Structures are given as structure tokens and as C-alpha cells.
N, C-alpha and C. Protein backbone atom coordinates (compact mmCIF):
# COMPACT_ATOMS: atom_id res chain seq x y z
N MET A 1 -25.87 -50.75 -69.90
CA MET A 1 -25.72 -52.17 -70.15
C MET A 1 -24.28 -52.40 -70.63
N SER A 2 -23.68 -53.46 -70.15
CA SER A 2 -22.29 -53.74 -70.50
C SER A 2 -22.17 -54.19 -71.96
N ASP A 3 -20.97 -53.98 -72.52
CA ASP A 3 -20.72 -54.40 -73.89
C ASP A 3 -20.94 -55.90 -74.07
N SER A 4 -20.50 -56.69 -73.08
CA SER A 4 -20.65 -58.14 -73.21
C SER A 4 -22.12 -58.55 -73.22
N LYS A 5 -22.94 -57.86 -72.44
CA LYS A 5 -24.38 -58.15 -72.41
C LYS A 5 -25.02 -57.78 -73.76
N ILE A 6 -24.63 -56.65 -74.32
CA ILE A 6 -25.15 -56.22 -75.62
C ILE A 6 -24.78 -57.24 -76.70
N LEU A 7 -23.52 -57.69 -76.69
CA LEU A 7 -23.10 -58.70 -77.66
C LEU A 7 -23.90 -59.98 -77.53
N LEU A 8 -24.08 -60.43 -76.32
CA LEU A 8 -24.83 -61.66 -76.08
C LEU A 8 -26.26 -61.53 -76.59
N LEU A 9 -26.90 -60.40 -76.30
CA LEU A 9 -28.29 -60.20 -76.74
C LEU A 9 -28.39 -60.08 -78.25
N SER A 10 -27.42 -59.43 -78.89
CA SER A 10 -27.50 -59.24 -80.34
C SER A 10 -27.24 -60.53 -81.10
N GLU A 11 -26.41 -61.40 -80.54
CA GLU A 11 -26.10 -62.66 -81.22
C GLU A 11 -27.19 -63.71 -81.00
N GLY A 12 -27.80 -63.68 -79.84
CA GLY A 12 -28.78 -64.70 -79.51
C GLY A 12 -28.09 -66.00 -79.11
N PRO A 13 -28.79 -66.82 -78.38
CA PRO A 13 -28.20 -68.08 -77.90
C PRO A 13 -28.28 -69.19 -78.95
N ARG A 14 -27.55 -69.06 -80.06
CA ARG A 14 -27.65 -70.01 -81.17
C ARG A 14 -27.27 -71.43 -80.76
N TYR A 15 -26.45 -71.56 -79.72
CA TYR A 15 -26.05 -72.90 -79.30
C TYR A 15 -27.24 -73.71 -78.77
N LEU A 16 -28.32 -73.03 -78.40
CA LEU A 16 -29.50 -73.74 -77.90
C LEU A 16 -30.25 -74.47 -79.01
N GLU A 17 -29.88 -74.19 -80.27
CA GLU A 17 -30.50 -74.89 -81.39
C GLU A 17 -30.06 -76.35 -81.44
N GLY A 18 -29.02 -76.69 -80.67
CA GLY A 18 -28.56 -78.08 -80.60
C GLY A 18 -27.72 -78.53 -81.77
N LYS A 19 -27.12 -77.59 -82.50
CA LYS A 19 -26.35 -77.95 -83.69
C LYS A 19 -24.87 -77.62 -83.54
N VAL A 20 -24.36 -77.69 -82.33
CA VAL A 20 -22.94 -77.42 -82.10
C VAL A 20 -22.32 -78.60 -81.35
N SER A 21 -21.05 -78.75 -81.53
CA SER A 21 -20.35 -79.84 -80.85
C SER A 21 -19.03 -79.31 -80.30
N GLY A 22 -18.89 -79.31 -78.99
CA GLY A 22 -17.64 -78.89 -78.37
C GLY A 22 -17.45 -77.39 -78.25
N ALA A 23 -18.41 -76.60 -78.70
CA ALA A 23 -18.26 -75.15 -78.64
C ALA A 23 -18.76 -74.58 -77.32
N VAL A 24 -19.73 -75.24 -76.71
CA VAL A 24 -20.33 -74.75 -75.47
C VAL A 24 -20.37 -75.91 -74.49
N PHE A 25 -19.95 -75.64 -73.28
CA PHE A 25 -19.95 -76.68 -72.25
C PHE A 25 -21.09 -76.41 -71.29
N GLY A 26 -22.24 -76.99 -71.57
CA GLY A 26 -23.40 -76.80 -70.73
C GLY A 26 -24.31 -75.71 -71.27
N ASP A 27 -25.46 -75.59 -70.66
CA ASP A 27 -26.39 -74.52 -71.01
C ASP A 27 -27.20 -74.18 -69.76
N GLU A 28 -28.27 -73.44 -69.94
CA GLU A 28 -29.05 -72.99 -68.80
C GLU A 28 -29.59 -74.14 -67.95
N LYS A 29 -29.76 -75.32 -68.56
CA LYS A 29 -30.28 -76.47 -67.82
C LYS A 29 -29.28 -76.97 -66.78
N ASP A 30 -28.01 -76.62 -66.94
CA ASP A 30 -26.95 -77.10 -66.05
C ASP A 30 -26.55 -76.06 -65.01
N MET A 31 -27.43 -75.15 -64.66
CA MET A 31 -27.07 -74.05 -63.77
C MET A 31 -26.64 -74.53 -62.38
N GLU A 32 -27.22 -75.58 -61.86
CA GLU A 32 -26.81 -76.08 -60.55
C GLU A 32 -25.37 -76.58 -60.61
N GLU A 33 -25.03 -77.31 -61.68
CA GLU A 33 -23.64 -77.74 -61.85
C GLU A 33 -22.71 -76.54 -61.94
N MET A 34 -23.10 -75.54 -62.69
CA MET A 34 -22.26 -74.35 -62.83
C MET A 34 -22.09 -73.64 -61.49
N ARG A 35 -23.10 -73.64 -60.66
CA ARG A 35 -22.99 -73.04 -59.34
C ARG A 35 -21.94 -73.78 -58.52
N VAL A 36 -21.96 -75.11 -58.59
CA VAL A 36 -20.98 -75.92 -57.86
C VAL A 36 -19.58 -75.63 -58.40
N TYR A 37 -19.42 -75.57 -59.72
CA TYR A 37 -18.11 -75.27 -60.30
C TYR A 37 -17.61 -73.92 -59.80
N GLY A 38 -18.50 -72.95 -59.74
CA GLY A 38 -18.12 -71.62 -59.25
C GLY A 38 -17.64 -71.66 -57.81
N GLU A 39 -18.33 -72.42 -56.98
CA GLU A 39 -17.91 -72.55 -55.57
C GLU A 39 -16.54 -73.20 -55.45
N VAL A 40 -16.32 -74.26 -56.22
CA VAL A 40 -15.01 -74.93 -56.19
C VAL A 40 -13.93 -73.97 -56.66
N PHE A 41 -14.19 -73.25 -57.74
CA PHE A 41 -13.20 -72.30 -58.25
C PHE A 41 -12.86 -71.25 -57.20
N LYS A 42 -13.88 -70.72 -56.52
CA LYS A 42 -13.64 -69.70 -55.48
C LYS A 42 -12.72 -70.23 -54.39
N ARG A 43 -12.86 -71.50 -54.05
CA ARG A 43 -12.07 -72.07 -52.96
C ARG A 43 -10.63 -72.36 -53.36
N PHE A 44 -10.39 -72.67 -54.65
CA PHE A 44 -9.07 -73.12 -55.05
C PHE A 44 -8.35 -72.20 -56.04
N ALA A 45 -8.97 -71.13 -56.48
CA ALA A 45 -8.37 -70.27 -57.50
C ALA A 45 -7.02 -69.71 -57.06
N TRP A 46 -6.85 -69.44 -55.80
CA TRP A 46 -5.61 -68.83 -55.32
C TRP A 46 -4.62 -69.86 -54.78
N SER A 47 -4.96 -71.13 -54.88
CA SER A 47 -4.04 -72.18 -54.44
C SER A 47 -2.90 -72.32 -55.44
N ASN A 48 -1.71 -72.57 -54.95
CA ASN A 48 -0.55 -72.73 -55.81
C ASN A 48 -0.05 -74.17 -55.70
N PRO A 49 -0.27 -74.98 -56.74
CA PRO A 49 0.12 -76.38 -56.69
C PRO A 49 1.63 -76.59 -56.55
N LEU A 50 2.41 -75.55 -56.76
CA LEU A 50 3.86 -75.69 -56.60
C LEU A 50 4.25 -75.77 -55.13
N TRP A 51 3.29 -75.53 -54.23
CA TRP A 51 3.53 -75.59 -52.79
C TRP A 51 2.60 -76.63 -52.16
N PRO A 52 2.85 -77.92 -52.41
CA PRO A 52 1.91 -78.95 -51.96
C PRO A 52 1.76 -79.05 -50.45
N LYS A 53 2.76 -78.64 -49.69
CA LYS A 53 2.60 -78.70 -48.23
C LYS A 53 1.63 -77.64 -47.74
N LEU A 54 1.53 -76.55 -48.48
CA LEU A 54 0.57 -75.50 -48.11
C LEU A 54 -0.83 -75.79 -48.64
N PHE A 55 -0.91 -76.51 -49.75
CA PHE A 55 -2.19 -76.78 -50.41
C PHE A 55 -2.33 -78.27 -50.71
N PRO A 56 -2.46 -79.12 -49.69
CA PRO A 56 -2.53 -80.57 -49.92
C PRO A 56 -3.75 -80.99 -50.74
N GLY A 57 -4.83 -80.25 -50.66
CA GLY A 57 -6.01 -80.59 -51.45
C GLY A 57 -5.76 -80.48 -52.94
N VAL A 58 -4.97 -79.48 -53.33
CA VAL A 58 -4.66 -79.30 -54.75
C VAL A 58 -3.78 -80.45 -55.23
N ARG A 59 -2.84 -80.88 -54.40
CA ARG A 59 -1.98 -82.01 -54.77
C ARG A 59 -2.84 -83.26 -54.99
N LYS A 60 -3.81 -83.47 -54.12
CA LYS A 60 -4.69 -84.64 -54.25
C LYS A 60 -5.51 -84.54 -55.54
N MET A 61 -6.04 -83.35 -55.83
CA MET A 61 -6.80 -83.18 -57.06
C MET A 61 -5.94 -83.43 -58.29
N GLU A 62 -4.69 -82.93 -58.27
CA GLU A 62 -3.80 -83.15 -59.40
C GLU A 62 -3.57 -84.65 -59.59
N ALA A 63 -3.31 -85.36 -58.50
CA ALA A 63 -3.08 -86.81 -58.59
C ALA A 63 -4.30 -87.52 -59.17
N GLU A 64 -5.49 -87.09 -58.78
CA GLU A 64 -6.72 -87.71 -59.28
C GLU A 64 -6.92 -87.42 -60.77
N VAL A 65 -6.64 -86.19 -61.19
CA VAL A 65 -6.78 -85.84 -62.61
C VAL A 65 -5.79 -86.64 -63.44
N VAL A 66 -4.54 -86.71 -62.98
CA VAL A 66 -3.53 -87.48 -63.71
C VAL A 66 -3.93 -88.95 -63.80
N ARG A 67 -4.41 -89.53 -62.71
CA ARG A 67 -4.82 -90.93 -62.73
C ARG A 67 -5.99 -91.15 -63.69
N MET A 68 -6.96 -90.23 -63.70
CA MET A 68 -8.08 -90.35 -64.63
C MET A 68 -7.59 -90.33 -66.07
N CYS A 69 -6.66 -89.42 -66.37
CA CYS A 69 -6.11 -89.33 -67.73
C CYS A 69 -5.34 -90.59 -68.10
N CYS A 70 -4.55 -91.10 -67.16
CA CYS A 70 -3.82 -92.35 -67.41
C CYS A 70 -4.79 -93.49 -67.69
N ASN A 71 -5.86 -93.56 -66.93
CA ASN A 71 -6.87 -94.60 -67.16
C ASN A 71 -7.53 -94.45 -68.53
N LEU A 72 -7.81 -93.20 -68.93
CA LEU A 72 -8.41 -92.96 -70.24
C LEU A 72 -7.50 -93.42 -71.37
N MET A 73 -6.19 -93.32 -71.14
CA MET A 73 -5.21 -93.72 -72.15
C MET A 73 -4.74 -95.17 -71.96
N HIS A 74 -5.46 -95.90 -71.12
CA HIS A 74 -5.16 -97.31 -70.85
C HIS A 74 -3.77 -97.49 -70.24
N GLY A 75 -3.34 -96.54 -69.42
CA GLY A 75 -2.06 -96.66 -68.74
C GLY A 75 -2.14 -97.66 -67.60
N ASP A 76 -0.99 -98.19 -67.24
CA ASP A 76 -0.96 -99.13 -66.12
C ASP A 76 -0.57 -98.39 -64.84
N LYS A 77 -0.29 -99.14 -63.78
CA LYS A 77 0.02 -98.49 -62.50
C LYS A 77 1.35 -97.75 -62.54
N GLU A 78 2.18 -98.01 -63.54
CA GLU A 78 3.47 -97.32 -63.68
C GLU A 78 3.34 -96.01 -64.46
N SER A 79 2.21 -95.79 -65.12
CA SER A 79 2.04 -94.55 -65.89
C SER A 79 1.92 -93.37 -64.94
N CYS A 80 2.36 -92.22 -65.42
CA CYS A 80 2.36 -91.03 -64.56
C CYS A 80 2.16 -89.79 -65.42
N GLY A 81 2.09 -88.65 -64.78
CA GLY A 81 1.92 -87.40 -65.49
C GLY A 81 1.98 -86.24 -64.53
N THR A 82 1.75 -85.07 -65.07
CA THR A 82 1.73 -83.86 -64.27
C THR A 82 0.75 -82.88 -64.90
N VAL A 83 0.37 -81.89 -64.17
CA VAL A 83 -0.51 -80.84 -64.67
C VAL A 83 0.30 -79.56 -64.68
N SER A 84 0.29 -78.86 -65.81
CA SER A 84 1.01 -77.59 -65.86
C SER A 84 0.00 -76.45 -65.89
N PHE A 85 0.38 -75.35 -65.36
CA PHE A 85 -0.48 -74.17 -65.28
C PHE A 85 0.22 -73.02 -65.98
N CYS A 86 -0.39 -72.53 -67.04
CA CYS A 86 0.22 -71.43 -67.80
C CYS A 86 -0.51 -70.14 -67.54
């Protein structure tokens, strides 16, 4: 058994008690969503946004994320941003 599995079993799933905020993103009930996230990650993990002509889908996603953030911050049509990858 892997070390990570042993740690998980010894600690128990305390987040299922419903007394945490922001520590866990989803739980076993969201497995279908997690499957979709995994598929998206597999398709785009090796994309390099610094090369938008090679990866136009990533450029579109970046533009959508930036626009969503601008909207959340009540930005107007002149607001802008970028996504950095570290």
C-alpha cells in the first residue's frame, strides 16, 4: 500500500463532517465533475499559452477567465488582465 494511501486511511475523511471552509474543493459526491476536470486537464496540460497560434483554445480560455475575473471585480469593457503560469 502506498504511503499516501496509508496517510489518508489513518487520518480519515474529516472534511466529510462538514466543518471546513475552503480546505477541500468537492467530495465524493462530485466525482462526475472531477472526472470531467481530469479529462480537460489531460487535453490541455501540455499546452503552452505563450504560443497562442499553436494553442488557440488555451488563448480563448485565458480570455474567458480574465473576462470572468473582470466582471467579478465590476470592471468595464476597458478592463483587462493576464494569466501567469509559475
